């Protein structure tokens, strides 16, 4: 699910600000939000594999975003009790939220990280 503008504001308003102030502020401030879901299954192995695959997809989105100068936060939690939020986002009973992604351009853009020599991190005994 993609949210911006009023849709994003409605999603943020459905979250308990006192319990999740950082998430609410992130959603409000980010230019856009993506809510990524994974299918659930009665087979625990299949459900775990599907969830892991979706998490890999999210990480790839995060790396691709960074490569194009976009910042992204990835919020993951147990959203199962968030009925209004789930309804607003159009999430079905056979889906689980794998991440709430808030995306936007940096202001200012972070400095490029300096590579660390592997030999500085490994100690041989």
C-alpha atoms as a PDB file:
ATOM      1  CA  UNK A   1       0.000   0.000   0.000  1.00  0.00           C
ATOM      2  CA  UNK A   2       1.278   3.445  -0.952  1.00  0.00           C
ATOM      3  CA  UNK A   3       0.309   6.468   1.152  1.00  0.00           C
ATOM      4  CA  UNK A   4       0.951  10.177   0.807  1.00  0.00           C
ATOM      5  CA  UNK A   5      -0.868  13.385   1.726  1.00  0.00           C
ATOM      6  CA  UNK A   6      -4.251  12.880   3.409  1.00  0.00           C
ATOM      7  CA  UNK A   7      -3.963   9.083   3.328  1.00  0.00           C
ATOM      8  CA  UNK A   8      -0.709   9.273   5.254  1.00  0.00           C
ATOM      9  CA  UNK A   9      -2.279  11.651   7.787  1.00  0.00           C
ATOM     10  CA  UNK A  10      -5.223   9.283   8.327  1.00  0.00           C
ATOM     11  CA  UNK A  11      -2.866   6.360   8.908  1.00  0.00           C
ATOM     12  CA  UNK A  12      -0.836   8.374  11.424  1.00  0.00           C
ATOM     13  CA  UNK A  13      -4.024   9.482  13.214  1.00  0.00           C
ATOM     14  CA  UNK A  14      -5.078   5.850  13.676  1.00  0.00           C
ATOM     15  CA  UNK A  15      -1.921   5.074  15.694  1.00  0.00           C
ATOM     16  CA  UNK A  16      -1.759   5.644  19.463  1.00  0.00           C
ATOM     17  CA  UNK A  17       0.652   8.583  19.580  1.00  0.00           C
ATOM     18  CA  UNK A  18       1.471   8.069  23.267  1.00  0.00           C
ATOM     19  CA  UNK A  19       2.673   4.504  22.656  1.00  0.00           C
ATOM     20  CA  UNK A  20       4.329   5.068  19.260  1.00  0.00           C
ATOM     21  CA  UNK A  21       5.362   8.765  18.981  1.00  0.00           C
ATOM     22  CA  UNK A  22       8.413   8.060  16.829  1.00  0.00           C
ATOM     23  CA  UNK A  23       6.449   6.037  14.264  1.00  0.00           C
ATOM     24  CA  UNK A  24       3.681   8.646  14.094  1.00  0.00           C
ATOM     25  CA  UNK A  25       6.193  11.480  13.609  1.00  0.00           C
ATOM     26  CA  UNK A  26       8.092   9.527  10.973  1.00  0.00           C
ATOM     27  CA  UNK A  27       4.923   8.822   8.988  1.00  0.00           C
ATOM     28  CA  UNK A  28       3.803  12.450   9.216  1.00  0.00           C
ATOM     29  CA  UNK A  29       7.182  13.896   8.210  1.00  0.00           C
ATOM     30  CA  UNK A  30       8.097  11.483   5.409  1.00  0.00           C
ATOM     31  CA  UNK A  31       6.923  12.453   1.924  1.00  0.00           C
ATOM     32  CA  UNK A  32       5.582   8.947   1.334  1.00  0.00           C
ATOM     33  CA  UNK A  33       4.987   5.662   3.101  1.00  0.00           C
ATOM     34  CA  UNK A  34       4.816   2.123   1.817  1.00  0.00           C
ATOM     35  CA  UNK A  35       3.158  -0.611   3.823  1.00  0.00           C
ATOM     36  CA  UNK A  36       4.563  -3.942   2.713  1.00  0.00           C
ATOM     37  CA  UNK A  37       2.766  -7.151   3.606  1.00  0.00           C
ATOM     38  CA  UNK A  38       3.455 -10.866   3.454  1.00  0.00           C
ATOM     39  CA  UNK A  39       0.840 -13.570   3.006  1.00  0.00           C
ATOM     40  CA  UNK A  40       0.146 -15.681   6.047  1.00  0.00           C
ATOM     41  CA  UNK A  41      -0.313 -19.439   5.967  1.00  0.00           C
ATOM     42  CA  UNK A  42      -1.460 -22.204   8.278  1.00  0.00           C
ATOM     43  CA  UNK A  43       1.839 -23.915   7.464  1.00  0.00           C
ATOM     44  CA  UNK A  44       4.362 -22.212   9.773  1.00  0.00           C
ATOM     45  CA  UNK A  45       7.298 -23.093   7.506  1.00  0.00           C
ATOM     46  CA  UNK A  46       5.669 -21.511   4.449  1.00  0.00           C
ATOM     47  CA  UNK A  47       4.631 -18.428   6.464  1.00  0.00           C
ATOM     48  CA  UNK A  48       8.197 -17.993   7.772  1.00  0.00           C
ATOM     49  CA  UNK A  49       9.723 -18.429   4.319  1.00  0.00           C
ATOM     50  CA  UNK A  50       7.287 -15.929   2.766  1.00  0.00           C
ATOM     51  CA  UNK A  51       7.916 -13.385   5.525  1.00  0.00           C
ATOM     52  CA  UNK A  52      11.700 -13.762   5.144  1.00  0.00           C
ATOM     53  CA  UNK A  53      11.448 -13.296   1.376  1.00  0.00           C
ATOM     54  CA  UNK A  54       9.429 -10.094   1.808  1.00  0.00           C
ATOM     55  CA  UNK A  55      11.984  -8.812   4.341  1.00  0.00           C
ATOM     56  CA  UNK A  56      14.731  -9.437   1.763  1.00  0.00           C
ATOM     57  CA  UNK A  57      12.694  -7.438  -0.745  1.00  0.00           C
ATOM     58  CA  UNK A  58      12.412  -4.570   1.759  1.00  0.00           C
ATOM     59  CA  UNK A  59      16.169  -4.594   2.310  1.00  0.00           C
ATOM     60  CA  UNK A  60      16.706  -4.437  -1.455  1.00  0.00           C
ATOM     61  CA  UNK A  61      14.298  -1.493  -1.669  1.00  0.00           C
ATOM     62  CA  UNK A  62      16.267   0.198   1.108  1.00  0.00           C
ATOM     63  CA  UNK A  63      19.613  -0.301  -0.675  1.00  0.00           C
ATOM     64  CA  UNK A  64      18.185   0.859  -4.018  1.00  0.00           C
ATOM     65  CA  UNK A  65      16.665   3.924  -2.349  1.00  0.00           C
ATOM     66  CA  UNK A  66      19.971   4.822  -0.724  1.00  0.00           C
ATOM     67  CA  UNK A  67      21.770   4.454  -4.076  1.00  0.00           C
ATOM     68  CA  UNK A  68      19.374   7.074  -5.514  1.00  0.00           C
ATOM     69  CA  UNK A  69      19.717   9.514  -2.607  1.00  0.00           C
ATOM     70  CA  UNK A  70      16.561   8.516  -0.756  1.00  0.00           C
ATOM     71  CA  UNK A  71      16.416   7.823   2.944  1.00  0.00           C
ATOM     72  CA  UNK A  72      14.143   5.153   4.368  1.00  0.00           C
ATOM     73  CA  UNK A  73      13.088   3.959   7.786  1.00  0.00           C
ATOM     74  CA  UNK A  74      11.742   0.452   8.215  1.00  0.00           C
ATOM     75  CA  UNK A  75       9.342   0.002  11.114  1.00  0.00           C
ATOM     76  CA  UNK A  76       8.403  -3.526  12.069  1.00  0.00           C
ATOM     77  CA  UNK A  77       6.272  -4.628  14.971  1.00  0.00           C
ATOM     78  CA  UNK A  78       3.171  -6.548  15.913  1.00  0.00           C
ATOM     79  CA  UNK A  79       0.407  -4.573  14.247  1.00  0.00           C
ATOM     80  CA  UNK A  80      -2.232  -7.306  14.607  1.00  0.00           C
ATOM     81  CA  UNK A  81      -4.294  -5.302  17.123  1.00  0.00           C
ATOM     82  CA  UNK A  82      -4.322  -2.134  15.017  1.00  0.00           C
ATOM     83  CA  UNK A  83      -7.748  -2.704  13.496  1.00  0.00           C
ATOM     84  CA  UNK A  84      -8.366   0.841  12.215  1.00  0.00           C
ATOM     85  CA  UNK A  85      -4.852   1.090  10.769  1.00  0.00           C
ATOM     86  CA  UNK A  86      -5.202  -2.302   9.046  1.00  0.00           C
ATOM     87  CA  UNK A  87      -8.595  -1.326   7.597  1.00  0.00           C
ATOM     88  CA  UNK A  88      -7.330   2.047   6.337  1.00  0.00           C
ATOM     89  CA  UNK A  89      -4.356   0.330   4.709  1.00  0.00           C
ATOM     90  CA  UNK A  90      -6.563  -2.310   3.083  1.00  0.00           C
ATOM     91  CA  UNK A  91      -4.718  -5.186   4.702  1.00  0.00           C
ATOM     92  CA  UNK A  92      -6.540  -8.497   4.392  1.00  0.00           C
ATOM     93  CA  UNK A  93      -6.949 -11.172   7.075  1.00  0.00           C
ATOM     94  CA  UNK A  94      -4.474 -13.416   5.235  1.00  0.00           C
ATOM     95  CA  UNK A  95      -1.740 -10.751   5.292  1.00  0.00           C
ATOM     96  CA  UNK A  96       0.793  -9.584   7.851  1.00  0.00           C
ATOM     97  CA  UNK A  97       2.683  -6.296   7.843  1.00  0.00           C
ATOM     98  CA  UNK A  98       6.364  -6.882   7.110  1.00  0.00           C
ATOM     99  CA  UNK A  99       7.220  -3.214   7.320  1.00  0.00           C
ATOM    100  CA  UNK A 100       6.024   0.348   7.339  1.00  0.00           C
ATOM    101  CA  UNK A 101       8.523   2.143   5.112  1.00  0.00           C
ATOM    102  CA  UNK A 102       8.796   5.912   5.373  1.00  0.00           C
ATOM    103  CA  UNK A 103      10.779   7.415   2.514  1.00  0.00           C
ATOM    104  CA  UNK A 104      12.118  10.800   1.510  1.00  0.00           C
ATOM    105  CA  UNK A 105      15.170  12.804   0.485  1.00  0.00           C
ATOM    106  CA  UNK A 106      17.854  13.610   3.037  1.00  0.00           C
ATOM    107  CA  UNK A 107      18.230  17.143   4.327  1.00  0.00           C
ATOM    108  CA  UNK A 108      21.232  17.307   4.266  1.00  0.00           C
ATOM    109  CA  UNK A 109      22.538  14.184   2.611  1.00  0.00           C
ATOM    110  CA  UNK A 110      24.773  12.141   4.950  1.00  0.00           C
ATOM    111  CA  UNK A 111      28.482  11.931   4.229  1.00  0.00           C
ATOM    112  CA  UNK A 112      29.647   8.810   2.443  1.00  0.00           C
ATOM    113  CA  UNK A 113      30.928   6.263   4.929  1.00  0.00           C
ATOM    114  CA  UNK A 114      34.654   5.655   4.985  1.00  0.00           C
ATOM    115  CA  UNK A 115      35.445   1.976   4.338  1.00  0.00           C
ATOM    116  CA  UNK A 116      36.922   0.178   7.332  1.00  0.00           C
ATOM    117  CA  UNK A 117      39.811  -2.168   6.758  1.00  0.00           C
ATOM    118  CA  UNK A 118      38.857  -5.724   7.604  1.00  0.00           C
ATOM    119  CA  UNK A 119      42.218  -6.211   9.287  1.00  0.00           C
ATOM    120  CA  UNK A 120      41.241  -3.449  11.771  1.00  0.00           C
ATOM    121  CA  UNK A 121      38.224  -5.530  12.873  1.00  0.00           C
ATOM    122  CA  UNK A 122      39.701  -9.027  13.029  1.00  0.00           C
ATOM    123  CA  UNK A 123      42.025 -10.217  15.725  1.00  0.00           C
ATOM    124  CA  UNK A 124      43.984 -13.403  15.111  1.00  0.00           C
ATOM    125  CA  UNK A 125      44.988 -15.427  18.174  1.00  0.00           C
END
